[in-house]
């Protein structure tokens, strides 16, 4: 079996990746790559209590959903949000929002922030939108969503609610992993993931020569190439099906 190293944060759908990879004859190894610390939840809570000031909510990561849930402190999201225009990236985030916030979102099939901005433009065609969207985000967010929405005539009220840091066991796990046979595939899910890992590869002189690198999403692909590494395949969306499709295409 070909060993596939899944370099992503620990999340609710990690088991889904593992089971689907196994089903297609791969040996998945999950290496938790990122960890997160939350902040400004009191600021976010104040915003969430004022849905009348917004056109809707936008989510681009599972952590922003956790931040909203924690900011509410067990209270239910105000019903007024449910009548607004709410959007998310990714099926996983869409499901988490439905389950934890009882909120329906659109655009989950878009796959990345740039595509979501285009979807929002199309979805709001002929609608009058004057209020900003509330956007809970992390410290490493890409600016493409804000730039494109601004270009399309919409604004964001961004609240930085979490910081991304490397997982405390990342270096130890990677070094141990490369002591045996080199994995066939390395899957990177975020620019921050490749940035943290590449420093470890260099510091410990880990040989990636026998590994095929797969990027999840165009921004991750660009970050990998910026490190001077070759991307063998790109999964256009962060879903198990797209990831397995990219691997099988090799």
C-alpha atoms as a PDB file:
ATOM      1  CA  UNK A   1       0.000   0.000   0.000  1.00  0.00           C
ATOM      2  CA  UNK A   2       1.196   3.495  -0.813  1.00  0.00           C
ATOM      3  CA  UNK A   3       1.667   5.618   2.293  1.00  0.00           C
ATOM      4  CA  UNK A   4      -0.170   8.949   2.155  1.00  0.00           C
ATOM      5  CA  UNK A   5       0.710  11.562   4.779  1.00  0.00           C
ATOM      6  CA  UNK A   6      -2.224  13.866   5.474  1.00  0.00           C
ATOM      7  CA  UNK A   7      -0.795  17.147   6.784  1.00  0.00           C
ATOM      8  CA  UNK A   8      -3.778  19.038   8.169  1.00  0.00           C
ATOM      9  CA  UNK A   9      -5.279  20.228  11.411  1.00  0.00           C
ATOM     10  CA  UNK A  10      -7.219  17.731  13.477  1.00  0.00           C
ATOM     11  CA  UNK A  11     -10.879  18.129  12.577  1.00  0.00           C
ATOM     12  CA  UNK A  12     -14.224  16.394  12.579  1.00  0.00           C
ATOM     13  CA  UNK A  13     -13.718  14.969   9.083  1.00  0.00           C
ATOM     14  CA  UNK A  14     -10.210  13.524   9.515  1.00  0.00           C
ATOM     15  CA  UNK A  15     -11.682  10.022   9.829  1.00  0.00           C
ATOM     16  CA  UNK A  16     -13.508  10.525   6.531  1.00  0.00           C
ATOM     17  CA  UNK A  17     -10.208  11.145   4.748  1.00  0.00           C
ATOM     18  CA  UNK A  18      -8.645   8.066   6.342  1.00  0.00           C
ATOM     19  CA  UNK A  19     -11.517   5.715   5.526  1.00  0.00           C
ATOM     20  CA  UNK A  20     -11.834   6.865   1.911  1.00  0.00           C
ATOM     21  CA  UNK A  21      -8.084   6.623   1.337  1.00  0.00           C
ATOM     22  CA  UNK A  22      -8.045   3.093   2.766  1.00  0.00           C
ATOM     23  CA  UNK A  23     -10.998   2.146   0.596  1.00  0.00           C
ATOM     24  CA  UNK A  24      -8.941   3.049  -2.493  1.00  0.00           C
ATOM     25  CA  UNK A  25      -5.869   1.109  -1.440  1.00  0.00           C
ATOM     26  CA  UNK A  26      -3.798   3.795   0.279  1.00  0.00           C
ATOM     27  CA  UNK A  27      -2.247   3.751   3.749  1.00  0.00           C
ATOM     28  CA  UNK A  28      -3.207   7.090   5.362  1.00  0.00           C
ATOM     29  CA  UNK A  29      -1.051   8.650   8.080  1.00  0.00           C
ATOM     30  CA  UNK A  30      -2.573  11.728   9.721  1.00  0.00           C
ATOM     31  CA  UNK A  31       0.038  14.184  10.985  1.00  0.00           C
ATOM     32  CA  UNK A  32      -1.625  17.069  12.877  1.00  0.00           C
ATOM     33  CA  UNK A  33       0.015  20.142  11.413  1.00  0.00           C
ATOM     34  CA  UNK A  34      -1.680  23.193  12.844  1.00  0.00           C
ATOM     35  CA  UNK A  35      -3.117  24.291  16.148  1.00  0.00           C
ATOM     36  CA  UNK A  36      -5.220  27.322  16.948  1.00  0.00           C
ATOM     37  CA  UNK A  37      -5.654  29.784  19.788  1.00  0.00           C
ATOM     38  CA  UNK A  38      -8.833  31.851  19.935  1.00  0.00           C
ATOM     39  CA  UNK A  39      -9.130  35.557  20.733  1.00  0.00           C
ATOM     40  CA  UNK A  40     -11.473  38.554  20.481  1.00  0.00           C
ATOM     41  CA  UNK A  41     -14.499  36.375  21.214  1.00  0.00           C
ATOM     42  CA  UNK A  42     -16.058  39.195  23.242  1.00  0.00           C
ATOM     43  CA  UNK A  43     -15.779  41.463  20.189  1.00  0.00           C
ATOM     44  CA  UNK A  44     -17.320  38.754  18.004  1.00  0.00           C
ATOM     45  CA  UNK A  45     -20.129  38.241  20.516  1.00  0.00           C
ATOM     46  CA  UNK A  46     -21.049  41.925  20.346  1.00  0.00           C
ATOM     47  CA  UNK A  47     -21.228  41.695  16.556  1.00  0.00           C
ATOM     48  CA  UNK A  48     -23.350  38.526  16.678  1.00  0.00           C
ATOM     49  CA  UNK A  49     -25.884  40.264  18.907  1.00  0.00           C
ATOM     50  CA  UNK A  50     -26.480  42.899  16.199  1.00  0.00           C
ATOM     51  CA  UNK A  51     -27.589  41.073  13.032  1.00  0.00           C
ATOM     52  CA  UNK A  52     -29.477  44.181  11.891  1.00  0.00           C
ATOM     53  CA  UNK A  53     -26.106  45.799  11.148  1.00  0.00           C
ATOM     54  CA  UNK A  54     -25.142  43.138   8.577  1.00  0.00           C
ATOM     55  CA  UNK A  55     -26.096  41.583   5.271  1.00  0.00           C
ATOM     56  CA  UNK A  56     -25.020  38.139   6.522  1.00  0.00           C
ATOM     57  CA  UNK A  57     -22.189  35.941   7.754  1.00  0.00           C
ATOM     58  CA  UNK A  58     -19.270  34.514   5.752  1.00  0.00           C
ATOM     59  CA  UNK A  59     -17.253  31.485   6.909  1.00  0.00           C
ATOM     60  CA  UNK A  60     -14.057  30.301   5.205  1.00  0.00           C
ATOM     61  CA  UNK A  61     -12.719  27.887   7.854  1.00  0.00           C
ATOM     62  CA  UNK A  62     -14.011  25.461  10.500  1.00  0.00           C
ATOM     63  CA  UNK A  63     -12.198  27.498  13.182  1.00  0.00           C
ATOM     64  CA  UNK A  64     -14.372  30.526  12.509  1.00  0.00           C
ATOM     65  CA  UNK A  65     -17.421  28.338  13.167  1.00  0.00           C
ATOM     66  CA  UNK A  66     -15.932  27.198  16.480  1.00  0.00           C
ATOM     67  CA  UNK A  67     -15.240  30.834  17.354  1.00  0.00           C
ATOM     68  CA  UNK A  68     -18.874  31.809  16.747  1.00  0.00           C
ATOM     69  CA  UNK A  69     -20.113  28.869  18.820  1.00  0.00           C
ATOM     70  CA  UNK A  70     -17.731  29.717  21.684  1.00  0.00           C
ATOM     71  CA  UNK A  71     -18.515  33.429  21.515  1.00  0.00           C
ATOM     72  CA  UNK A  72     -22.201  32.625  21.957  1.00  0.00           C
ATOM     73  CA  UNK A  73     -21.355  30.683  25.110  1.00  0.00           C
ATOM     74  CA  UNK A  74     -24.111  28.126  24.663  1.00  0.00           C
ATOM     75  CA  UNK A  75     -26.727  30.628  23.545  1.00  0.00           C
ATOM     76  CA  UNK A  76     -28.576  30.209  20.289  1.00  0.00           C
ATOM     77  CA  UNK A  77     -27.603  32.350  17.310  1.00  0.00           C
ATOM     78  CA  UNK A  78     -30.197  35.078  16.869  1.00  0.00           C
ATOM     79  CA  UNK A  79     -32.952  34.041  14.465  1.00  0.00           C
ATOM     80  CA  UNK A  80     -32.530  37.265  12.469  1.00  0.00           C
ATOM     81  CA  UNK A  81     -29.284  35.868  11.016  1.00  0.00           C
ATOM     82  CA  UNK A  82     -31.268  33.098   9.329  1.00  0.00           C
ATOM     83  CA  UNK A  83     -33.088  35.566   7.088  1.00  0.00           C
ATOM     84  CA  UNK A  84     -29.830  37.117   5.828  1.00  0.00           C
ATOM     85  CA  UNK A  85     -27.394  36.106   3.070  1.00  0.00           C
ATOM     86  CA  UNK A  86     -24.980  33.609   4.659  1.00  0.00           C
ATOM     87  CA  UNK A  87     -22.084  31.863   2.869  1.00  0.00           C
ATOM     88  CA  UNK A  88     -19.379  29.273   3.517  1.00  0.00           C
ATOM     89  CA  UNK A  89     -16.497  27.516   1.767  1.00  0.00           C
ATOM     90  CA  UNK A  90     -16.470  23.706   1.790  1.00  0.00           C
ATOM     91  CA  UNK A  91     -18.984  20.970   2.495  1.00  0.00           C
ATOM     92  CA  UNK A  92     -17.377  20.281   5.885  1.00  0.00           C
ATOM     93  CA  UNK A  93     -17.894  23.866   7.032  1.00  0.00           C
ATOM     94  CA  UNK A  94     -21.444  23.884   5.680  1.00  0.00           C
ATOM     95  CA  UNK A  95     -22.300  20.768   7.707  1.00  0.00           C
ATOM     96  CA  UNK A  96     -20.655  22.134  10.870  1.00  0.00           C
ATOM     97  CA  UNK A  97     -22.621  25.379  10.567  1.00  0.00           C
ATOM     98  CA  UNK A  98     -25.876  23.472  10.159  1.00  0.00           C
ATOM     99  CA  UNK A  99     -25.124  21.203  13.120  1.00  0.00           C
ATOM    100  CA  UNK A 100     -23.601  23.687  15.573  1.00  0.00           C
ATOM    101  CA  UNK A 101     -25.273  26.969  14.647  1.00  0.00           C
ATOM    102  CA  UNK A 102     -28.520  25.763  13.018  1.00  0.00           C
ATOM    103  CA  UNK A 103     -27.772  28.120  10.151  1.00  0.00           C
ATOM    104  CA  UNK A 104     -27.999  27.376   6.446  1.00  0.00           C
ATOM    105  CA  UNK A 105     -25.266  28.726   4.154  1.00  0.00           C
ATOM    106  CA  UNK A 106     -24.754  28.946   0.407  1.00  0.00           C
ATOM    107  CA  UNK A 107     -21.660  28.608  -1.760  1.00  0.00           C
ATOM    108  CA  UNK A 108     -20.082  25.631   0.011  1.00  0.00           C
ATOM    109  CA  UNK A 109     -19.314  24.000  -3.342  1.00  0.00           C
ATOM    110  CA  UNK A 110     -17.084  26.931  -4.342  1.00  0.00           C
ATOM    111  CA  UNK A 111     -13.965  25.344  -2.831  1.00  0.00           C
ATOM    112  CA  UNK A 112     -11.955  28.494  -2.069  1.00  0.00           C
ATOM    113  CA  UNK A 113     -12.374  32.149  -1.137  1.00  0.00           C
ATOM    114  CA  UNK A 114     -11.847  33.464  -4.660  1.00  0.00           C
ATOM    115  CA  UNK A 115     -14.557  31.228  -6.099  1.00  0.00           C
ATOM    116  CA  UNK A 116     -16.841  32.089  -3.185  1.00  0.00           C
ATOM    117  CA  UNK A 117     -16.538  35.799  -3.979  1.00  0.00           C
ATOM    118  CA  UNK A 118     -17.597  35.057  -7.559  1.00  0.00           C
ATOM    119  CA  UNK A 119     -20.500  32.940  -6.296  1.00  0.00           C
ATOM    120  CA  UNK A 120     -21.649  35.743  -3.982  1.00  0.00           C
ATOM    121  CA  UNK A 121     -21.583  38.211  -6.862  1.00  0.00           C
ATOM    122  CA  UNK A 122     -23.773  35.921  -8.959  1.00  0.00           C
ATOM    123  CA  UNK A 123     -26.044  34.972  -6.069  1.00  0.00           C
ATOM    124  CA  UNK A 124     -26.728  38.604  -5.150  1.00  0.00           C
ATOM    125  CA  UNK A 125     -27.376  39.718  -8.720  1.00  0.00           C
ATOM    126  CA  UNK A 126     -30.299  42.179  -8.756  1.00  0.00           C
ATOM    127  CA  UNK A 127     -30.355  42.312  -4.921  1.00  0.00           C
ATOM    128  CA  UNK A 128     -29.675  45.555  -3.084  1.00  0.00           C
ATOM    129  CA  UNK A 129     -26.939  44.943  -0.507  1.00  0.00           C
ATOM    130  CA  UNK A 130     -25.657  47.953   1.424  1.00  0.00           C
ATOM    131  CA  UNK A 131     -24.619  46.546   4.811  1.00  0.00           C
ATOM    132  CA  UNK A 132     -21.303  44.709   5.355  1.00  0.00           C
ATOM    133  CA  UNK A 133     -20.899  40.979   5.873  1.00  0.00           C
ATOM    134  CA  UNK A 134     -19.581  39.785   9.229  1.00  0.00           C
ATOM    135  CA  UNK A 135     -16.416  37.775   8.575  1.00  0.00           C
ATOM    136  CA  UNK A 136     -14.829  35.885  11.508  1.00  0.00           C
ATOM    137  CA  UNK A 137     -11.304  34.984  10.359  1.00  0.00           C
ATOM    138  CA  UNK A 138      -7.787  33.974  11.364  1.00  0.00           C
ATOM    139  CA  UNK A 139      -4.538  35.908  11.458  1.00  0.00           C
ATOM    140  CA  UNK A 140      -3.277  34.205   8.271  1.00  0.00           C
ATOM    141  CA  UNK A 141      -6.338  34.830   6.130  1.00  0.00           C
ATOM    142  CA  UNK A 142      -5.799  35.503   2.438  1.00  0.00           C
ATOM    143  CA  UNK A 143      -7.001  38.951   1.305  1.00  0.00           C
ATOM    144  CA  UNK A 144      -8.504  37.710  -1.954  1.00  0.00           C
ATOM    145  CA  UNK A 145     -12.052  37.539  -0.535  1.00  0.00           C
ATOM    146  CA  UNK A 146     -11.986  41.121   0.681  1.00  0.00           C
ATOM    147  CA  UNK A 147     -10.395  42.432  -2.517  1.00  0.00           C
ATOM    148  CA  UNK A 148     -12.844  40.691  -4.843  1.00  0.00           C
ATOM    149  CA  UNK A 149     -15.947  41.507  -2.811  1.00  0.00           C
ATOM    150  CA  UNK A 150     -14.840  45.136  -2.637  1.00  0.00           C
ATOM    151  CA  UNK A 151     -14.416  45.110  -6.396  1.00  0.00           C
ATOM    152  CA  UNK A 152     -17.962  43.755  -6.696  1.00  0.00           C
ATOM    153  CA  UNK A 153     -19.335  46.477  -4.425  1.00  0.00           C
ATOM    154  CA  UNK A 154     -19.618  44.595  -1.118  1.00  0.00           C
ATOM    155  CA  UNK A 155     -17.795  45.135   2.173  1.00  0.00           C
ATOM    156  CA  UNK A 156     -16.572  42.944   5.039  1.00  0.00           C
ATOM    157  CA  UNK A 157     -16.447  43.572   8.756  1.00  0.00           C
ATOM    158  CA  UNK A 158     -13.507  41.276   9.551  1.00  0.00           C
ATOM    159  CA  UNK A 159     -12.965  40.119  13.136  1.00  0.00           C
ATOM    160  CA  UNK A 160      -9.721  38.214  13.764  1.00  0.00           C
ATOM    161  CA  UNK A 161     -10.842  35.459  16.105  1.00  0.00           C
ATOM    162  CA  UNK A 162      -7.999  32.920  16.030  1.00  0.00           C
ATOM    163  CA  UNK A 163      -4.267  32.586  15.476  1.00  0.00           C
ATOM    164  CA  UNK A 164      -2.608  29.709  13.646  1.00  0.00           C
ATOM    165  CA  UNK A 165       0.463  28.070  15.190  1.00  0.00           C
ATOM    166  CA  UNK A 166       2.341  24.840  14.378  1.00  0.00           C
ATOM    167  CA  UNK A 167       1.139  21.751  16.233  1.00  0.00           C
ATOM    168  CA  UNK A 168       3.337  21.037  19.252  1.00  0.00           C
ATOM    169  CA  UNK A 169       4.227  17.527  17.989  1.00  0.00           C
ATOM    170  CA  UNK A 170       4.699  18.408  14.315  1.00  0.00           C
ATOM    171  CA  UNK A 171       8.509  18.339  14.205  1.00  0.00           C
ATOM    172  CA  UNK A 172       8.813  15.142  16.249  1.00  0.00           C
ATOM    173  CA  UNK A 173       6.176  13.380  14.128  1.00  0.00           C
ATOM    174  CA  UNK A 174       7.751  14.408  10.812  1.00  0.00           C
ATOM    175  CA  UNK A 175      11.255  13.378  11.828  1.00  0.00           C
ATOM    176  CA  UNK A 176       9.987  10.009  13.047  1.00  0.00           C
ATOM    177  CA  UNK A 177       7.986   9.510   9.864  1.00  0.00           C
ATOM    178  CA  UNK A 178      11.028   9.969   7.621  1.00  0.00           C
ATOM    179  CA  UNK A 179      13.165   7.536   9.633  1.00  0.00           C
ATOM    180  CA  UNK A 180      11.441   4.670   7.806  1.00  0.00           C
ATOM    181  CA  UNK A 181      10.557   4.390   4.149  1.00  0.00           C
ATOM    182  CA  UNK A 182       9.716   7.764   2.627  1.00  0.00           C
ATOM    183  CA  UNK A 183       5.953   8.211   2.128  1.00  0.00           C
ATOM    184  CA  UNK A 184       4.636   8.037  -1.418  1.00  0.00           C
ATOM    185  CA  UNK A 185       2.527  11.182  -1.054  1.00  0.00           C
ATOM    186  CA  UNK A 186       2.486  14.299   1.086  1.00  0.00           C
ATOM    187  CA  UNK A 187      -0.855  16.132   1.174  1.00  0.00           C
ATOM    188  CA  UNK A 188      -0.755  19.812   2.153  1.00  0.00           C
ATOM    189  CA  UNK A 189      -4.014  21.548   3.018  1.00  0.00           C
ATOM    190  CA  UNK A 190      -2.905  25.156   3.635  1.00  0.00           C
ATOM    191  CA  UNK A 191      -0.121  27.662   2.934  1.00  0.00           C
ATOM    192  CA  UNK A 192       0.650  27.841   6.657  1.00  0.00           C
ATOM    193  CA  UNK A 193       1.002  24.051   6.739  1.00  0.00           C
ATOM    194  CA  UNK A 194       3.678  23.997   4.033  1.00  0.00           C
ATOM    195  CA  UNK A 195       5.429  27.017   5.590  1.00  0.00           C
ATOM    196  CA  UNK A 196       5.786  25.305   8.969  1.00  0.00           C
ATOM    197  CA  UNK A 197       6.711  21.925   7.459  1.00  0.00           C
ATOM    198  CA  UNK A 198       9.290  23.251   5.020  1.00  0.00           C
ATOM    199  CA  UNK A 199      11.239  24.828   7.895  1.00  0.00           C
ATOM    200  CA  UNK A 200      11.291  21.431   9.620  1.00  0.00           C
ATOM    201  CA  UNK A 201      12.362  19.672   6.408  1.00  0.00           C
ATOM    202  CA  UNK A 202      15.302  22.047   6.031  1.00  0.00           C
ATOM    203  CA  UNK A 203      16.307  22.067   9.682  1.00  0.00           C
ATOM    204  CA  UNK A 204      16.387  18.261   9.893  1.00  0.00           C
ATOM    205  CA  UNK A 205      17.635  17.685   6.314  1.00  0.00           C
ATOM    206  CA  UNK A 206      14.675  15.438   5.491  1.00  0.00           C
ATOM    207  CA  UNK A 207      14.822  14.062   1.939  1.00  0.00           C
ATOM    208  CA  UNK A 208      11.612  14.635  -0.037  1.00  0.00           C
ATOM    209  CA  UNK A 209      13.039  13.121  -3.211  1.00  0.00           C
ATOM    210  CA  UNK A 210      10.815  10.065  -3.144  1.00  0.00           C
ATOM    211  CA  UNK A 211       7.618  11.936  -2.228  1.00  0.00           C
ATOM    212  CA  UNK A 212       4.927  13.247  -4.517  1.00  0.00           C
ATOM    213  CA  UNK A 213       3.426  16.456  -3.176  1.00  0.00           C
ATOM    214  CA  UNK A 214      -0.296  17.076  -3.559  1.00  0.00           C
ATOM    215  CA  UNK A 215      -1.783  20.510  -2.875  1.00  0.00           C
ATOM    216  CA  UNK A 216      -5.323  21.129  -1.743  1.00  0.00           C
ATOM    217  CA  UNK A 217      -6.429  24.343  -3.416  1.00  0.00           C
ATOM    218  CA  UNK A 218      -4.630  26.912  -5.592  1.00  0.00           C
ATOM    219  CA  UNK A 219      -3.282  29.047  -2.721  1.00  0.00           C
ATOM    220  CA  UNK A 220      -1.593  25.980  -1.186  1.00  0.00           C
ATOM    221  CA  UNK A 221      -0.187  25.041  -4.597  1.00  0.00           C
ATOM    222  CA  UNK A 222       1.333  28.506  -4.962  1.00  0.00           C
ATOM    223  CA  UNK A 223       2.824  28.370  -1.445  1.00  0.00           C
ATOM    224  CA  UNK A 224       4.454  24.990  -2.172  1.00  0.00           C
ATOM    225  CA  UNK A 225       5.940  26.244  -5.430  1.00  0.00           C
ATOM    226  CA  UNK A 226       7.222  29.348  -3.625  1.00  0.00           C
ATOM    227  CA  UNK A 227       9.293  26.965  -1.484  1.00  0.00           C
ATOM    228  CA  UNK A 228      10.923  25.588  -4.637  1.00  0.00           C
ATOM    229  CA  UNK A 229       9.016  22.297  -4.483  1.00  0.00           C
ATOM    230  CA  UNK A 230       7.163  20.580  -7.306  1.00  0.00           C
ATOM    231  CA  UNK A 231       3.407  20.015  -7.031  1.00  0.00           C
ATOM    232  CA  UNK A 232       2.437  16.737  -8.693  1.00  0.00           C
ATOM    233  CA  UNK A 233      -1.339  17.153  -8.434  1.00  0.00           C
ATOM    234  CA  UNK A 234      -3.823  19.683  -7.065  1.00  0.00           C
ATOM    235  CA  UNK A 235      -7.190  18.851  -5.512  1.00  0.00           C
ATOM    236  CA  UNK A 236      -9.375  21.805  -6.406  1.00  0.00           C
ATOM    237  CA  UNK A 237     -11.597  21.476  -3.336  1.00  0.00           C
ATOM    238  CA  UNK A 238     -10.883  20.502   0.294  1.00  0.00           C
ATOM    239  CA  UNK A 239     -12.986  17.349   0.317  1.00  0.00           C
ATOM    240  CA  UNK A 240     -12.013  13.653   0.661  1.00  0.00           C
ATOM    241  CA  UNK A 241     -13.462  12.870  -2.763  1.00  0.00           C
ATOM    242  CA  UNK A 242     -11.395  15.526  -4.532  1.00  0.00           C
ATOM    243  CA  UNK A 243      -8.252  14.495  -2.653  1.00  0.00           C
ATOM    244  CA  UNK A 244      -8.675  10.816  -3.580  1.00  0.00           C
ATOM    245  CA  UNK A 245      -9.429  11.858  -7.158  1.00  0.00           C
ATOM    246  CA  UNK A 246      -6.150  13.764  -7.316  1.00  0.00           C
ATOM    247  CA  UNK A 247      -4.234  10.755  -5.978  1.00  0.00           C
ATOM    248  CA  UNK A 248      -5.860   8.302  -8.357  1.00  0.00           C
ATOM    249  CA  UNK A 249      -5.054  10.649 -11.227  1.00  0.00           C
ATOM    250  CA  UNK A 250      -1.367  10.026 -10.547  1.00  0.00           C
END
